[in-house]
PDB file of N, CA and C in Angstrom:
ATOM      1  N   MET A   1     181.808 203.240 251.218  1.00  0.00           N
ATOM      2  CA  MET A   1     181.211 202.963 252.984  1.00  0.00           C
ATOM      3  C   MET A   1     180.679 204.696 253.212  1.00  0.00           C
ATOM      4  N   TRP A   2     180.692 205.538 252.928  1.00  0.00           N
ATOM      5  CA  TRP A   2     180.486 206.943 252.716  1.00  0.00           C
ATOM      6  C   TRP A   2     178.611 207.021 252.314  1.00  0.00           C
ATOM      7  N   ASP A   3     178.804 206.127 250.821  1.00  0.00           N
ATOM      8  CA  ASP A   3     177.223 206.109 250.634  1.00  0.00           C
ATOM      9  C   ASP A   3     176.418 205.238 251.186  1.00  0.00           C
ATOM     10  N   THR A   4     176.929 204.460 251.964  1.00  0.00           N
ATOM     11  CA  THR A   4     176.203 203.698 252.906  1.00  0.00           C
ATOM     12  C   THR A   4     175.897 204.091 254.290  1.00  0.00           C
ATOM     13  N   LEU A   5     177.024 205.187 254.616  1.00  0.00           N
ATOM     14  CA  LEU A   5     176.655 205.672 255.665  1.00  0.00           C
ATOM     15  C   LEU A   5     175.542 207.002 255.620  1.00  0.00           C
ATOM     16  N   GLU A   6     175.531 207.391 254.324  1.00  0.00           N
ATOM     17  CA  GLU A   6     174.343 208.445 253.585  1.00  0.00           C
ATOM     18  C   GLU A   6     173.137 207.764 253.697  1.00  0.00           C
ATOM     19  N   VAL A   7     173.135 207.025 253.338  1.00  0.00           N
ATOM     20  CA  VAL A   7     171.849 206.107 253.005  1.00  0.00           C
ATOM     21  C   VAL A   7     170.968 205.633 254.248  1.00  0.00           C
ATOM     22  N   THR A   8     171.826 204.972 255.139  1.00  0.00           N
ATOM     23  CA  THR A   8     171.396 204.669 256.373  1.00  0.00           C
ATOM     24  C   THR A   8     170.922 205.824 257.213  1.00  0.00           C
ATOM     25  N   HIS A   9     171.564 207.052 257.248  1.00  0.00           N
ATOM     26  CA  HIS A   9     171.298 208.134 257.932  1.00  0.00           C
ATOM     27  C   HIS A   9     170.308 209.334 257.235  1.00  0.00           C
ATOM     28  N   GLU A  10     170.048 209.428 256.222  1.00  0.00           N
ATOM     29  CA  GLU A  10     169.073 209.672 255.575  1.00  0.00           C
ATOM     30  C   GLU A  10     167.917 208.831 254.819  1.00  0.00           C
ATOM     31  N   GLY A  11     168.488 208.194 254.433  1.00  0.00           N
ATOM     32  CA  GLY A  11     167.290 207.446 253.697  1.00  0.00           C
ATOM     33  C   GLY A  11     167.511 207.389 252.233  1.00  0.00           C
ATOM     34  N   THR A  12     167.216 206.329 251.338  1.00  0.00           N
ATOM     35  CA  THR A  12     167.303 206.566 249.584  1.00  0.00           C
ATOM     36  C   THR A  12     166.642 207.617 249.366  1.00  0.00           C
ATOM     37  N   ASN A  13     167.065 208.024 248.020  1.00  0.00           N
ATOM     38  CA  ASN A  13     166.397 208.709 247.305  1.00  0.00           C
ATOM     39  C   ASN A  13     164.971 209.295 247.526  1.00  0.00           C
ATOM     40  N   GLU A  14     164.136 207.750 247.190  1.00  0.00           N
ATOM     41  CA  GLU A  14     162.590 207.995 247.222  1.00  0.00           C
ATOM     42  C   GLU A  14     162.126 207.915 248.366  1.00  0.00           C
ATOM     43  N   VAL A  15     162.905 207.863 249.941  1.00  0.00           N
ATOM     44  CA  VAL A  15     162.363 208.190 251.126  1.00  0.00           C
ATOM     45  C   VAL A  15     162.864 209.552 251.562  1.00  0.00           C
ATOM     46  N   LYS A  16     163.363 210.228 250.877  1.00  0.00           N
ATOM     47  CA  LYS A  16     163.569 211.740 250.801  1.00  0.00           C
ATOM     48  C   LYS A  16     162.579 212.276 250.166  1.00  0.00           C
ATOM     49  N   LYS A  17     162.384 211.900 248.563  1.00  0.00           N
ATOM     50  CA  LYS A  17     160.987 212.724 248.351  1.00  0.00           C
ATOM     51  C   LYS A  17     159.985 212.155 248.737  1.00  0.00           C
ATOM     52  N   ALA A  18     159.030 211.001 249.407  1.00  0.00           N
ATOM     53  CA  ALA A  18     158.189 211.233 249.891  1.00  0.00           C
ATOM     54  C   ALA A  18     158.258 211.640 251.509  1.00  0.00           C
ATOM     55  N   ARG A  19     159.435 211.671 252.255  1.00  0.00           N
ATOM     56  CA  ARG A  19     159.483 212.695 253.173  1.00  0.00           C
ATOM     57  C   ARG A  19     158.966 214.180 252.385  1.00  0.00           C
ATOM     58  N   LYS A  20     159.723 214.354 251.688  1.00  0.00           N
ATOM     59  CA  LYS A  20     159.692 216.031 251.387  1.00  0.00           C
ATOM     60  C   LYS A  20     158.294 216.394 250.812  1.00  0.00           C
ATOM     61  N   HIS A  21     157.489 215.408 249.987  1.00  0.00           N
ATOM     62  CA  HIS A  21     156.180 215.587 249.522  1.00  0.00           C
ATOM     63  C   HIS A  21     155.223 215.478 250.643  1.00  0.00           C
ATOM     64  N   ILE A  22     155.501 214.997 251.861  1.00  0.00           N
ATOM     65  CA  ILE A  22     154.509 215.107 253.345  1.00  0.00           C
ATOM     66  C   ILE A  22     154.425 216.314 253.824  1.00  0.00           C
ATOM     67  N   VAL A  23     155.739 216.858 253.825  1.00  0.00           N
ATOM     68  CA  VAL A  23     156.110 217.996 254.729  1.00  0.00           C
ATOM     69  C   VAL A  23     155.354 218.998 254.013  1.00  0.00           C
ATOM     70  N   ILE A  24     155.545 219.273 252.516  1.00  0.00           N
ATOM     71  CA  ILE A  24     154.871 219.943 251.716  1.00  0.00           C
ATOM     72  C   ILE A  24     153.472 219.820 251.771  1.00  0.00           C
ATOM     73  N   GLN A  25     152.790 219.222 252.195  1.00  0.00           N
ATOM     74  CA  GLN A  25     151.596 218.778 252.173  1.00  0.00           C
ATOM     75  C   GLN A  25     150.881 219.604 253.299  1.00  0.00           C
ATOM     76  N   GLU A  26     152.018 219.289 254.118  1.00  0.00           N
ATOM     77  CA  GLU A  26     151.651 220.222 255.794  1.00  0.00           C
ATOM     78  C   GLU A  26     151.723 221.404 255.694  1.00  0.00           C
ATOM     79  N   TYR A  27     152.929 222.139 254.678  1.00  0.00           N
ATOM     80  CA  TYR A  27     152.899 223.318 254.835  1.00  0.00           C
ATOM     81  C   TYR A  27     151.617 223.810 254.093  1.00  0.00           C
ATOM     82  N   GLU A  28     151.201 223.287 253.035  1.00  0.00           N
ATOM     83  CA  GLU A  28     150.194 223.959 251.910  1.00  0.00           C
ATOM     84  C   GLU A  28     148.636 224.018 252.972  1.00  0.00           C
ATOM     85  N   MET A  29     148.808 222.840 254.016  1.00  0.00           N
ATOM     86  CA  MET A  29     147.292 222.862 254.939  1.00  0.00           C
ATOM     87  C   MET A  29     147.724 223.688 255.910  1.00  0.00           C
ATOM     88  N   PHE A  30     148.668 224.211 256.442  1.00  0.00           N
ATOM     89  CA  PHE A  30     148.665 224.911 257.152  1.00  0.00           C
ATOM     90  C   PHE A  30     147.413 225.760 257.965  1.00  0.00           C
ATOM     91  N   ARG A  31     147.473 225.771 259.218  1.00  0.00           N
ATOM     92  CA  ARG A  31     146.096 226.910 259.675  1.00  0.00           C
ATOM     93  C   ARG A  31     146.360 226.788 260.928  1.00  0.00           C
ATOM     94  N   MET A  32     146.183 227.792 261.657  1.00  0.00           N
ATOM     95  CA  MET A  32     145.887 228.170 262.997  1.00  0.00           C
ATOM     96  C   MET A  32     145.234 227.263 263.444  1.00  0.00           C
ATOM     97  N   LEU A  33     145.495 226.973 264.550  1.00  0.00           N
ATOM     98  CA  LEU A  33     144.319 225.580 265.014  1.00  0.00           C
ATOM     99  C   LEU A  33     143.670 226.625 266.319  1.00  0.00           C
ATOM    100  N   LYS A  34     142.344 226.063 266.837  1.00  0.00           N
ATOM    101  CA  LYS A  34     141.220 227.134 267.464  1.00  0.00           C
ATOM    102  C   LYS A  34     142.139 227.132 269.007  1.00  0.00           C
ATOM    103  N   GLY A  35     142.187 227.938 269.321  1.00  0.00           N
ATOM    104  CA  GLY A  35     142.839 228.376 270.588  1.00  0.00           C
ATOM    105  C   GLY A  35     144.323 227.862 270.834  1.00  0.00           C
ATOM    106  N   GLU A  36     144.940 228.616 269.850  1.00  0.00           N
ATOM    107  CA  GLU A  36     146.272 228.177 269.570  1.00  0.00           C
ATOM    108  C   GLU A  36     146.677 229.763 269.915  1.00  0.00           C
ATOM    109  N   THR A  37     147.936 229.709 270.552  1.00  0.00           N
ATOM    110  CA  THR A  37     148.396 231.234 270.587  1.00  0.00           C
ATOM    111  C   THR A  37     149.348 231.431 269.569  1.00  0.00           C
ATOM    112  N   ILE A  38     149.439 232.579 268.820  1.00  0.00           N
ATOM    113  CA  ILE A  38     150.741 233.063 267.863  1.00  0.00           C
ATOM    114  C   ILE A  38     152.098 232.484 268.344  1.00  0.00           C
ATOM    115  N   ALA A  39     152.547 232.323 269.372  1.00  0.00           N
ATOM    116  CA  ALA A  39     153.738 231.695 269.713  1.00  0.00           C
ATOM    117  C   ALA A  39     153.664 230.112 269.409  1.00  0.00           C
ATOM    118  N   GLU A  40     152.539 229.605 269.289  1.00  0.00           N
ATOM    119  CA  GLU A  40     152.364 228.314 269.200  1.00  0.00           C
ATOM    120  C   GLU A  40     152.457 227.963 267.749  1.00  0.00           C
ATOM    121  N   VAL A  41     151.660 228.717 267.034  1.00  0.00           N
ATOM    122  CA  VAL A  41     151.281 228.728 265.394  1.00  0.00           C
ATOM    123  C   VAL A  41     153.047 228.901 264.788  1.00  0.00           C
ATOM    124  N   GLN A  42     153.636 229.762 265.521  1.00  0.00           N
ATOM    125  CA  GLN A  42     155.091 230.197 264.896  1.00  0.00           C
ATOM    126  C   GLN A  42     155.692 229.244 265.157  1.00  0.00           C
ATOM    127  N   LYS A  43     155.973 228.608 265.980  1.00  0.00           N
ATOM    128  CA  LYS A  43     156.836 227.424 266.655  1.00  0.00           C
ATOM    129  C   LYS A  43     156.180 226.441 265.579  1.00  0.00           C
ATOM    130  N   ARG A  44     155.109 225.931 265.402  1.00  0.00           N
ATOM    131  CA  ARG A  44     154.632 224.875 264.200  1.00  0.00           C
ATOM    132  C   ARG A  44     155.050 225.342 263.009  1.00  0.00           C
ATOM    133  N   PHE A  45     155.034 226.658 262.515  1.00  0.00           N
ATOM    134  CA  PHE A  45     155.142 226.790 261.401  1.00  0.00           C
ATOM    135  C   PHE A  45     156.630 226.968 260.935  1.00  0.00           C
ATOM    136  N   MET A  46     157.691 227.535 261.788  1.00  0.00           N
ATOM    137  CA  MET A  46     159.141 227.141 262.019  1.00  0.00           C
ATOM    138  C   MET A  46     159.464 225.846 261.559  1.00  0.00           C
ATOM    139  N   HIS A  47     159.045 225.063 262.178  1.00  0.00           N
ATOM    140  CA  HIS A  47     159.254 223.388 262.572  1.00  0.00           C
ATOM    141  C   HIS A  47     159.265 223.245 261.105  1.00  0.00           C
ATOM    142  N   ILE A  48     157.908 223.235 260.319  1.00  0.00           N
ATOM    143  CA  ILE A  48     157.343 222.456 259.291  1.00  0.00           C
ATOM    144  C   ILE A  48     158.808 223.093 258.053  1.00  0.00           C
ATOM    145  N   ILE A  49     158.936 224.599 258.021  1.00  0.00           N
ATOM    146  CA  ILE A  49     160.183 225.495 257.537  1.00  0.00           C
ATOM    147  C   ILE A  49     161.392 224.538 257.601  1.00  0.00           C
ATOM    148  N   ASN A  50     161.742 224.332 258.752  1.00  0.00           N
ATOM    149  CA  ASN A  50     163.047 223.971 259.110  1.00  0.00           C
ATOM    150  C   ASN A  50     163.193 222.488 258.207  1.00  0.00           C
ATOM    151  N   HIS A  51     161.921 222.051 258.768  1.00  0.00           N
ATOM    152  CA  HIS A  51     162.303 220.474 257.860  1.00  0.00           C
ATOM    153  C   HIS A  51     162.067 220.382 256.832  1.00  0.00           C
ATOM    154  N   LEU A  52     161.265 221.406 255.802  1.00  0.00           N
ATOM    155  CA  LEU A  52     161.543 221.365 254.270  1.00  0.00           C
ATOM    156  C   LEU A  52     162.770 222.055 254.082  1.00  0.00           C
ATOM    157  N   MET A  53     163.219 222.610 254.650  1.00  0.00           N
ATOM    158  CA  MET A  53     164.631 223.135 254.479  1.00  0.00           C
ATOM    159  C   MET A  53     165.921 222.137 254.624  1.00  0.00           C
ATOM    160  N   SER A  54     165.926 221.514 255.597  1.00  0.00           N
ATOM    161  CA  SER A  54     166.818 220.483 255.769  1.00  0.00           C
ATOM    162  C   SER A  54     166.882 219.389 254.191  1.00  0.00           C
ATOM    163  N   LEU A  55     165.339 219.523 253.688  1.00  0.00           N
ATOM    164  CA  LEU A  55     165.011 218.387 252.545  1.00  0.00           C
ATOM    165  C   LEU A  55     165.449 219.387 251.186  1.00  0.00           C
ATOM    166  N   ASP A  56     165.612 220.460 251.029  1.00  0.00           N
ATOM    167  CA  ASP A  56     166.510 221.061 250.089  1.00  0.00           C
ATOM    168  C   ASP A  56     165.427 222.079 249.712  1.00  0.00           C
ATOM    169  N   LYS A  57     164.255 222.412 250.061  1.00  0.00           N
ATOM    170  CA  LYS A  57     163.539 223.103 250.100  1.00  0.00           C
ATOM    171  C   LYS A  57     163.657 224.427 250.217  1.00  0.00           C
ATOM    172  N   THR A  58     163.535 225.450 249.396  1.00  0.00           N
ATOM    173  CA  THR A  58     163.961 226.967 249.789  1.00  0.00           C
ATOM    174  C   THR A  58     162.615 227.797 249.401  1.00  0.00           C
ATOM    175  N   PHE A  59     162.616 228.739 250.442  1.00  0.00           N
ATOM    176  CA  PHE A  59     161.457 229.766 250.201  1.00  0.00           C
ATOM    177  C   PHE A  59     161.953 231.020 250.674  1.00  0.00           C
ATOM    178  N   GLU A  60     161.346 232.250 249.523  1.00  0.00           N
ATOM    179  CA  GLU A  60     161.515 233.479 249.803  1.00  0.00           C
ATOM    180  C   GLU A  60     160.346 233.708 250.908  1.00  0.00           C
ATOM    181  N   LYS A  61     161.259 234.768 251.362  1.00  0.00           N
ATOM    182  CA  LYS A  61     160.800 235.275 252.895  1.00  0.00           C
ATOM    183  C   LYS A  61     159.906 236.180 252.607  1.00  0.00           C
ATOM    184  N   GLU A  62     158.984 236.720 251.583  1.00  0.00           N
ATOM    185  CA  GLU A  62     158.091 237.455 251.432  1.00  0.00           C
ATOM    186  C   GLU A  62     156.403 236.201 251.206  1.00  0.00           C
ATOM    187  N   LYS A  63     157.114 235.287 250.465  1.00  0.00           N
ATOM    188  CA  LYS A  63     155.878 234.223 250.272  1.00  0.00           C
ATOM    189  C   LYS A  63     155.467 233.545 251.971  1.00  0.00           C
ATOM    190  N   LEU A  64     156.555 233.672 252.655  1.00  0.00           N
ATOM    191  CA  LEU A  64     156.511 232.596 253.985  1.00  0.00           C
ATOM    192  C   LEU A  64     155.576 233.931 255.213  1.00  0.00           C
ATOM    193  N   ASN A  65     155.837 235.057 254.375  1.00  0.00           N
ATOM    194  CA  ASN A  65     154.943 235.927 255.291  1.00  0.00           C
ATOM    195  C   ASN A  65     153.486 235.764 255.247  1.00  0.00           C
ATOM    196  N   ILE A  66     153.702 235.953 253.701  1.00  0.00           N
ATOM    197  CA  ILE A  66     151.996 236.185 253.557  1.00  0.00           C
ATOM    198  C   ILE A  66     151.413 234.671 253.695  1.00  0.00           C
ATOM    199  N   LYS A  67     152.118 233.492 253.538  1.00  0.00           N
ATOM    200  CA  LYS A  67     151.642 231.907 253.908  1.00  0.00           C
ATOM    201  C   LYS A  67     151.156 232.340 255.607  1.00  0.00           C
ATOM    202  N   ILE A  68     152.052 232.572 256.536  1.00  0.00           N
ATOM    203  CA  ILE A  68     151.861 232.943 257.692  1.00  0.00           C
ATOM    204  C   ILE A  68     150.743 233.732 258.309  1.00  0.00           C
ATOM    205  N   LEU A  69     150.427 235.249 257.390  1.00  0.00           N
ATOM    206  CA  LEU A  69     149.408 235.919 257.588  1.00  0.00           C
ATOM    207  C   LEU A  69     147.824 235.032 256.985  1.00  0.00           C
ATOM    208  N   LYS A  70     148.110 234.536 255.452  1.00  0.00           N
ATOM    209  CA  LYS A  70     146.912 234.004 255.260  1.00  0.00           C
ATOM    210  C   LYS A  70     146.536 232.338 256.618  1.00  0.00           C
ATOM    211  N   CYS A  71     147.011 232.147 257.198  1.00  0.00           N
ATOM    212  CA  CYS A  71     147.051 230.896 257.868  1.00  0.00           C
ATOM    213  C   CYS A  71     145.971 231.417 259.094  1.00  0.00           C
ATOM    214  N   LEU A  72     146.031 232.578 259.716  1.00  0.00           N
ATOM    215  CA  LEU A  72     145.502 233.006 261.101  1.00  0.00           C
ATOM    216  C   LEU A  72     144.111 233.008 260.662  1.00  0.00           C
ATOM    217  N   ASP A  73     143.724 232.977 262.042  1.00  0.00           N
ATOM    218  CA  ASP A  73     142.404 232.651 262.103  1.00  0.00           C
ATOM    219  C   ASP A  73     141.549 233.926 261.976  1.00  0.00           C
ATOM    220  N   ARG A  74     140.058 233.799 262.130  1.00  0.00           N
ATOM    221  CA  ARG A  74     139.310 235.426 261.900  1.00  0.00           C
ATOM    222  C   ARG A  74     139.579 236.235 263.352  1.00  0.00           C
ATOM    223  N   ALA A  75     140.024 235.858 264.367  1.00  0.00           N
ATOM    224  CA  ALA A  75     140.484 236.758 265.694  1.00  0.00           C
ATOM    225  C   ALA A  75     141.382 237.819 265.234  1.00  0.00           C
ATOM    226  N   TRP A  76     142.492 236.960 264.203  1.00  0.00           N
ATOM    227  CA  TRP A  76     143.618 238.381 264.006  1.00  0.00           C
ATOM    228  C   TRP A  76     143.495 238.975 262.585  1.00  0.00           C
ATOM    229  N   GLN A  77     141.683 238.882 261.829  1.00  0.00           N
ATOM    230  CA  GLN A  77     142.148 239.689 260.620  1.00  0.00           C
ATOM    231  C   GLN A  77     142.300 241.123 260.546  1.00  0.00           C
ATOM    232  N   PRO A  78     141.998 241.511 261.874  1.00  0.00           N
ATOM    233  CA  PRO A  78     142.040 242.950 261.865  1.00  0.00           C
ATOM    234  C   PRO A  78     143.987 243.530 261.372  1.00  0.00           C
ATOM    235  N   LYS A  79     144.317 242.631 262.582  1.00  0.00           N
ATOM    236  CA  LYS A  79     146.022 242.924 261.971  1.00  0.00           C
ATOM    237  C   LYS A  79     146.328 242.610 260.786  1.00  0.00           C
ATOM    238  N   VAL A  80     145.754 241.498 260.456  1.00  0.00           N
ATOM    239  CA  VAL A  80     146.274 240.793 259.155  1.00  0.00           C
ATOM    240  C   VAL A  80     146.038 242.082 258.118  1.00  0.00           C
ATOM    241  N   THR A  81     144.818 242.310 258.038  1.00  0.00           N
ATOM    242  CA  THR A  81     144.453 243.516 257.202  1.00  0.00           C
ATOM    243  C   THR A  81     145.550 245.018 257.231  1.00  0.00           C
ATOM    244  N   ALA A  82     145.592 245.226 258.673  1.00  0.00           N
ATOM    245  CA  ALA A  82     146.788 246.359 258.731  1.00  0.00           C
ATOM    246  C   ALA A  82     148.164 246.092 258.288  1.00  0.00           C
ATOM    247  N   ILE A  83     148.713 244.987 258.646  1.00  0.00           N
ATOM    248  CA  ILE A  83     150.092 244.632 258.467  1.00  0.00           C
ATOM    249  C   ILE A  83     149.842 244.225 256.464  1.00  0.00           C
ATOM    250  N   SER A  84     148.863 243.678 256.131  1.00  0.00           N
ATOM    251  CA  SER A  84     148.560 243.746 254.546  1.00  0.00           C
ATOM    252  C   SER A  84     148.567 245.076 253.804  1.00  0.00           C
ATOM    253  N   GLU A  85     147.904 246.050 254.117  1.00  0.00           N
ATOM    254  CA  GLU A  85     148.355 247.271 253.810  1.00  0.00           C
ATOM    255  C   GLU A  85     149.266 248.263 253.832  1.00  0.00           C
ATOM    256  N   SER A  86     149.991 247.986 254.723  1.00  0.00           N
ATOM    257  CA  SER A  86     151.437 248.823 255.147  1.00  0.00           C
ATOM    258  C   SER A  86     152.213 247.680 254.106  1.00  0.00           C
ATOM    259  N   ILE A  87     152.237 246.832 254.009  1.00  0.00           N
ATOM    260  CA  ILE A  87     153.160 246.383 252.772  1.00  0.00           C
ATOM    261  C   ILE A  87     152.760 246.087 251.327  1.00  0.00           C
ATOM    262  N   GLY A  88     151.204 246.485 251.473  1.00  0.00           N
ATOM    263  CA  GLY A  88     150.513 246.407 249.992  1.00  0.00           C
ATOM    264  C   GLY A  88     150.951 244.871 249.092  1.00  0.00           C
ATOM    265  N   ARG A  89     150.894 243.834 250.066  1.00  0.00           N
ATOM    266  CA  ARG A  89     151.437 242.776 249.426  1.00  0.00           C
ATOM    267  C   ARG A  89     150.272 241.484 249.186  1.00  0.00           C
ATOM    268  N   LEU A  90     149.486 241.896 250.441  1.00  0.00           N
ATOM    269  CA  LEU A  90     148.765 240.606 250.003  1.00  0.00           C
ATOM    270  C   LEU A  90     147.316 240.927 249.561  1.00  0.00           C
ATOM    271  N   PRO A  91     146.861 240.675 248.038  1.00  0.00           N
ATOM    272  CA  PRO A  91     145.966 240.838 247.504  1.00  0.00           C
ATOM    273  C   PRO A  91     144.135 241.000 248.308  1.00  0.00           C
ATOM    274  N   LYS A  92     143.324 241.640 248.004  1.00  0.00           N
ATOM    275  CA  LYS A  92     142.227 241.515 248.451  1.00  0.00           C
ATOM    276  C   LYS A  92     141.454 240.502 248.633  1.00  0.00           C
ATOM    277  N   GLN A  93     141.685 239.275 247.417  1.00  0.00           N
ATOM    278  CA  GLN A  93     141.261 238.185 247.615  1.00  0.00           C
ATOM    279  C   GLN A  93     141.917 237.270 248.087  1.00  0.00           C
ATOM    280  N   GLU A  94     142.863 237.384 248.506  1.00  0.00           N
ATOM    281  CA  GLU A  94     143.513 235.930 249.504  1.00  0.00           C
ATOM    282  C   GLU A  94     143.163 236.434 250.909  1.00  0.00           C
ATOM    283  N   GLN A  95     143.218 237.838 251.312  1.00  0.00           N
ATOM    284  CA  GLN A  95     142.684 237.955 252.521  1.00  0.00           C
ATOM    285  C   GLN A  95     141.127 237.341 252.918  1.00  0.00           C
ATOM    286  N   GLY A  96     140.115 237.448 252.294  1.00  0.00           N
ATOM    287  CA  GLY A  96     139.333 236.758 252.601  1.00  0.00           C
ATOM    288  C   GLY A  96     139.140 235.240 252.148  1.00  0.00           C
ATOM    289  N   GLU A  97     140.324 234.696 252.132  1.00  0.00           N
ATOM    290  CA  GLU A  97     140.195 233.063 252.083  1.00  0.00           C
ATOM    291  C   GLU A  97     140.577 232.247 253.545  1.00  0.00           C
ATOM    292  N   LYS A  98     140.555 232.838 254.419  1.00  0.00           N
ATOM    293  CA  LYS A  98     140.746 231.921 255.761  1.00  0.00           C
ATOM    294  C   LYS A  98     139.585 231.626 256.115  1.00  0.00           C
ATOM    295  N   ALA A  99     139.962 230.410 256.583  1.00  0.00           N
ATOM    296  CA  ALA A  99     138.830 229.480 257.096  1.00  0.00           C
ATOM    297  C   ALA A  99     138.418 229.983 258.446  1.00  0.00           C
TER     298      ALA A  99
END
């Protein structure tokens, strides 16, 4: 009975795995959209992270911070540089990878 409820609610293991791969790809491809505010970026980013965490994916806070800094557009470059230099965590080559 419990197994039937679990599969009905969460899907089979194959469905969970496929869902996880799709959301991981969304995370990897995540970028700030043109005209998007920082609040909107943060909301979209947290939605993806929360979805991945519900699928048992874990993240280190430092990696999430670096990811969000790398996804910001060029208008944010001075702030990204200042934050990166203050924490000394984002290598110079990664700063230049923004689209």
